[in-house]
Amino acid sequence: MIRQFGVPTLFMTISAAETQWPHLIKQLKSTVDKEEVSLEESQNIPYAEKVRLIQSDPFICATFFETRYKELKKTWLSPVGPFGKLKINHQYHRIEFQNRGSPHAHMMLWIEDAPIFIPGDQSSTEKVIMFVDQIISCNSEDLDEDLVKIQTHKHTFMSSQAKSSL
């Protein structure tokens, strides 16, 4: 796709947070343990129990991730979505699974009329910075602590192993 459309405007990774999804835990409790629980009860299940449920049915977890991912992508086309009125011309995604079985999507997006960075060209640098500031922000001051916790990337033993094997 890069040969056809050039360098993508954005590269993103969307990861699952299965232990933080009460609807998934509720479904897993019903399917795996044949036990009905409320959403509130599913939120109060101990972490180790949630992990056991998630590992017990990777199909439901992958399907749940796919459904959430598709719904998230729908928001991108909305004028009040994260890209506003910007038009996504092309997109590519690849779903991968971490060693523990958790799905995540790597994505490339090509946005219409996005400025192109030209090394050494101050004007292109300024245009790219303005464009990025228009669609990407980062501020955790007013966010829920639990939300910040699940949105913070942590390097794990496996990510360190992957680097050392390159």
Foldseek 3Di string as FASTA:
>chain_A
DCVVQNAFLDKDKFWDDQLQDLVLQQVLCCVVVVDHDDSVVSNVDDPVVSLVSCLVDLPSQVVVVVVVVVVLVVQVPDLPRLQHPWDFPDKDKDWDADPSGTIMIIMTTHTPPQQDDDPPDVVSVVSNVVNCVSRDDDDCPPPDPVVVVVVDDDDDPVNVVVVVVD
